[in-house]
Amino acid sequence: MPMIRIWAYLLNLIIQARGTLKMNEVIQNILTRRSIRTYKEEQISDEQLNVILEAGKYAPSGGNSQTWRFTVVQSKDRTA
């Protein structure tokens, strides 16, 4: 089990034991995040893509330089 998942599990146990605290969904997502190296063949909807891009615009950058650039490729011919 990866170390980050162990910490997330232990943090959940502590929170449950105290009973009054609830884990913030964002913190839980950070603690249990993982990298994806394989992808599905199906394409996401335009609405999903727009939500992802909008969230990316709000991602922090080093020194608040805000140098984010996004390239969306939806044609399989262009990914080869």
N, C-alpha and C. Protein backbone atom coordinates (compact mmCIF):
# COMPACT_ATOMS: atom_id res chain seq x y z
N MET A 1 0.86 -1.18 0.00
CA MET A 1 0.00 0.00 0.00
C MET A 1 0.90 1.24 0.00
N PRO A 2 0.71 2.15 -0.94
CA PRO A 2 1.54 3.36 -0.98
C PRO A 2 1.43 4.16 0.32
N MET A 3 2.52 4.81 0.69
CA MET A 3 2.59 5.54 1.95
C MET A 3 1.48 6.58 2.09
N ILE A 4 1.14 7.27 1.00
CA ILE A 4 0.11 8.32 1.09
C ILE A 4 -1.24 7.73 1.44
N ARG A 5 -1.54 6.53 0.95
CA ARG A 5 -2.80 5.88 1.29
C ARG A 5 -2.83 5.44 2.74
N ILE A 6 -1.68 5.05 3.26
CA ILE A 6 -1.60 4.68 4.67
C ILE A 6 -1.91 5.89 5.52
N TRP A 7 -1.32 7.05 5.16
CA TRP A 7 -1.59 8.28 5.91
C TRP A 7 -3.06 8.67 5.82
N ALA A 8 -3.64 8.53 4.65
CA ALA A 8 -5.06 8.86 4.48
C ALA A 8 -5.92 7.94 5.32
N TYR A 9 -5.57 6.66 5.34
CA TYR A 9 -6.31 5.68 6.14
C TYR A 9 -6.21 6.02 7.63
N LEU A 10 -4.99 6.30 8.09
CA LEU A 10 -4.80 6.63 9.51
C LEU A 10 -5.53 7.93 9.88
N LEU A 11 -5.47 8.91 9.00
CA LEU A 11 -6.16 10.17 9.26
C LEU A 11 -7.66 9.94 9.35
N ASN A 12 -8.20 9.10 8.49
CA ASN A 12 -9.62 8.77 8.56
C ASN A 12 -9.97 8.10 9.87
N LEU A 13 -9.11 7.19 10.35
CA LEU A 13 -9.35 6.51 11.62
C LEU A 13 -9.38 7.49 12.78
N ILE A 14 -8.43 8.44 12.78
CA ILE A 14 -8.38 9.44 13.84
C ILE A 14 -9.64 10.30 13.82
N ILE A 15 -10.03 10.72 12.64
CA ILE A 15 -11.21 11.57 12.51
C ILE A 15 -12.47 10.82 12.96
N GLN A 16 -12.59 9.57 12.57
CA GLN A 16 -13.75 8.76 12.98
C GLN A 16 -13.76 8.57 14.49
N ALA A 17 -12.58 8.36 15.08
CA ALA A 17 -12.49 8.15 16.52
C ALA A 17 -12.93 9.39 17.29
N ARG A 18 -12.58 10.55 16.80
CA ARG A 18 -12.98 11.78 17.47
C ARG A 18 -14.46 12.08 17.27
N GLY A 19 -14.99 11.66 16.14
CA GLY A 19 -16.42 11.80 15.90
C GLY A 19 -16.90 13.19 15.53
N THR A 20 -16.19 14.22 15.92
CA THR A 20 -16.67 15.58 15.66
C THR A 20 -16.07 16.18 14.41
N LEU A 21 -14.92 15.66 13.98
CA LEU A 21 -14.27 16.20 12.81
C LEU A 21 -14.65 15.41 11.57
N LYS A 22 -14.78 16.07 10.46
CA LYS A 22 -15.03 15.41 9.18
C LYS A 22 -13.93 15.82 8.22
N MET A 23 -13.44 14.84 7.45
CA MET A 23 -12.36 15.14 6.52
C MET A 23 -12.90 15.95 5.34
N ASN A 24 -12.23 17.00 5.05
CA ASN A 24 -12.58 17.83 3.91
C ASN A 24 -12.36 17.03 2.63
N GLU A 25 -13.31 17.08 1.72
CA GLU A 25 -13.23 16.30 0.48
C GLU A 25 -11.97 16.62 -0.33
N VAL A 26 -11.56 17.87 -0.33
CA VAL A 26 -10.36 18.25 -1.07
C VAL A 26 -9.13 17.58 -0.47
N ILE A 27 -9.02 17.59 0.86
CA ILE A 27 -7.88 16.96 1.53
C ILE A 27 -7.87 15.47 1.23
N GLN A 28 -9.03 14.84 1.29
CA GLN A 28 -9.11 13.41 1.00
C GLN A 28 -8.65 13.13 -0.44
N ASN A 29 -9.06 13.95 -1.38
CA ASN A 29 -8.63 13.77 -2.77
C ASN A 29 -7.12 13.94 -2.92
N ILE A 30 -6.56 14.90 -2.21
CA ILE A 30 -5.11 15.11 -2.28
C ILE A 30 -4.37 13.90 -1.71
N LEU A 31 -4.85 13.39 -0.59
CA LEU A 31 -4.17 12.28 0.06
C LEU A 31 -4.29 10.97 -0.71
N THR A 32 -5.35 10.82 -1.50
CA THR A 32 -5.57 9.55 -2.20
C THR A 32 -5.36 9.67 -3.71
N ARG A 33 -4.80 10.76 -4.18
CA ARG A 33 -4.61 10.94 -5.62
C ARG A 33 -3.62 9.93 -6.17
N ARG A 34 -3.73 9.68 -7.45
CA ARG A 34 -2.81 8.76 -8.11
C ARG A 34 -2.59 9.21 -9.55
N SER A 35 -1.51 8.77 -10.14
CA SER A 35 -1.22 9.08 -11.53
C SER A 35 -1.82 8.00 -12.42
N ILE A 36 -2.34 8.40 -13.54
CA ILE A 36 -2.92 7.46 -14.51
C ILE A 36 -1.98 7.38 -15.70
N ARG A 37 -1.59 6.18 -16.06
CA ARG A 37 -0.68 5.99 -17.18
C ARG A 37 -1.34 5.29 -18.37
N THR A 38 -2.53 4.79 -18.18
CA THR A 38 -3.27 4.16 -19.28
C THR A 38 -4.57 4.92 -19.47
N TYR A 39 -5.01 4.99 -20.71
CA TYR A 39 -6.16 5.81 -21.02
C TYR A 39 -7.20 4.99 -21.77
N LYS A 40 -8.46 5.40 -21.62
CA LYS A 40 -9.56 4.75 -22.32
C LYS A 40 -9.65 5.29 -23.74
N GLU A 41 -10.24 4.52 -24.62
CA GLU A 41 -10.43 4.94 -26.01
C GLU A 41 -11.52 6.01 -26.14
N GLU A 42 -12.51 5.99 -25.25
CA GLU A 42 -13.65 6.91 -25.38
C GLU A 42 -13.26 8.35 -25.06
N GLN A 43 -13.92 9.25 -25.73
CA GLN A 43 -13.66 10.68 -25.56
C GLN A 43 -14.59 11.25 -24.50
N ILE A 44 -14.11 12.23 -23.74
CA ILE A 44 -14.98 12.89 -22.76
C ILE A 44 -15.84 13.92 -23.48
N SER A 45 -16.93 14.31 -22.81
CA SER A 45 -17.84 15.28 -23.42
C SER A 45 -17.22 16.67 -23.40
N ASP A 46 -17.73 17.55 -24.23
CA ASP A 46 -17.25 18.94 -24.25
C ASP A 46 -17.48 19.60 -22.90
N GLU A 47 -18.59 19.27 -22.25
CA GLU A 47 -18.89 19.85 -20.93
C GLU A 47 -17.84 19.41 -19.90
N GLN A 48 -17.48 18.13 -19.90
CA GLN A 48 -16.46 17.64 -18.98
C GLN A 48 -15.11 18.31 -19.27
N LEU A 49 -14.78 18.43 -20.53
CA LEU A 49 -13.53 19.07 -20.93
C LEU A 49 -13.48 20.51 -20.45
N ASN A 50 -14.57 21.24 -20.61
CA ASN A 50 -14.61 22.63 -20.18
C ASN A 50 -14.44 22.76 -18.67
N VAL A 51 -15.03 21.84 -17.90
CA VAL A 51 -14.89 21.85 -16.44
C VAL A 51 -13.42 21.61 -16.06
N ILE A 52 -12.78 20.65 -16.71
CA ILE A 52 -11.38 20.35 -16.43
C ILE A 52 -10.50 21.54 -16.75
N LEU A 53 -10.72 22.17 -17.90
CA LEU A 53 -9.92 23.34 -18.29
C LEU A 53 -10.15 24.51 -17.35
N GLU A 54 -11.38 24.70 -16.93
CA GLU A 54 -11.70 25.79 -16.00
C GLU A 54 -10.99 25.56 -14.67
N ALA A 55 -11.00 24.32 -14.18
CA ALA A 55 -10.31 23.99 -12.93
C ALA A 55 -8.81 24.22 -13.08
N GLY A 56 -8.26 23.86 -14.24
CA GLY A 56 -6.84 24.06 -14.49
C GLY A 56 -6.43 25.51 -14.44
N LYS A 57 -7.31 26.40 -14.86
CA LYS A 57 -7.00 27.83 -14.83
C LYS A 57 -6.82 28.34 -13.41
N TYR A 58 -7.43 27.65 -12.45
CA TYR A 58 -7.34 28.07 -11.05
C TYR A 58 -6.23 27.36 -10.29
N ALA A 59 -5.48 26.47 -10.94
CA ALA A 59 -4.40 25.75 -10.28
C ALA A 59 -3.29 26.73 -9.91
N PRO A 60 -2.67 26.51 -8.75
CA PRO A 60 -1.59 27.41 -8.35
C PRO A 60 -0.37 27.26 -9.25
N SER A 61 0.41 28.31 -9.33
CA SER A 61 1.65 28.27 -10.09
C SER A 61 2.77 28.84 -9.22
N GLY A 62 3.99 28.44 -9.51
CA GLY A 62 5.13 28.90 -8.73
C GLY A 62 5.26 30.41 -8.77
N GLY A 63 5.30 31.04 -7.62
CA GLY A 63 5.45 32.48 -7.55
C GLY A 63 4.28 33.22 -8.18
N ASN A 64 3.14 32.55 -8.30
CA ASN A 64 1.94 33.11 -8.93
C ASN A 64 2.24 33.64 -10.32
N SER A 65 3.15 32.95 -11.04
CA SER A 65 3.52 33.40 -12.38
C SER A 65 2.43 33.13 -13.41
N GLN A 66 1.53 32.20 -13.09
CA GLN A 66 0.38 31.88 -13.94
C GLN A 66 0.79 31.62 -15.38
N THR A 67 1.74 30.74 -15.57
CA THR A 67 2.25 30.44 -16.90
C THR A 67 1.59 29.21 -17.52
N TRP A 68 0.39 28.87 -17.08
CA TRP A 68 -0.28 27.68 -17.59
C TRP A 68 -0.64 27.82 -19.06
N ARG A 69 -0.40 26.75 -19.81
CA ARG A 69 -0.84 26.65 -21.20
C ARG A 69 -1.42 25.26 -21.38
N PHE A 70 -2.57 25.19 -21.98
CA PHE A 70 -3.23 23.91 -22.17
C PHE A 70 -3.39 23.64 -23.66
N THR A 71 -3.13 22.43 -24.06
CA THR A 71 -3.35 22.00 -25.43
C THR A 71 -4.29 20.81 -25.39
N VAL A 72 -5.42 20.91 -26.07
CA VAL A 72 -6.39 19.83 -26.10
C VAL A 72 -6.29 19.15 -27.47
N VAL A 73 -6.03 17.87 -27.44
CA VAL A 73 -5.96 17.08 -28.67
C VAL A 73 -7.04 16.03 -28.60
N GLN A 74 -7.98 16.08 -29.54
CA GLN A 74 -9.08 15.14 -29.54
C GLN A 74 -9.05 14.19 -30.74
N SER A 75 -8.11 14.38 -31.61
CA SER A 75 -7.99 13.52 -32.79
C SER A 75 -6.91 12.49 -32.55
N LYS A 76 -7.25 11.22 -32.66
CA LYS A 76 -6.27 10.16 -32.43
C LYS A 76 -5.10 10.25 -33.42
N ASP A 77 -5.37 10.75 -34.62
CA ASP A 77 -4.32 10.91 -35.63
C ASP A 77 -3.21 11.83 -35.14
N ARG A 78 -3.56 12.83 -34.35
CA ARG A 78 -2.58 13.80 -33.89
C ARG A 78 -1.80 13.34 -32.67
N THR A 79 -2.22 12.27 -32.03
CA THR A 79 -1.52 11.81 -30.83
C THR A 79 -0.44 10.79 -31.16
N ALA A 80 -0.43 10.29 -32.36
CA ALA A 80 0.55 9.24 -32.72
C ALA A 80 1.89 9.83 -33.08
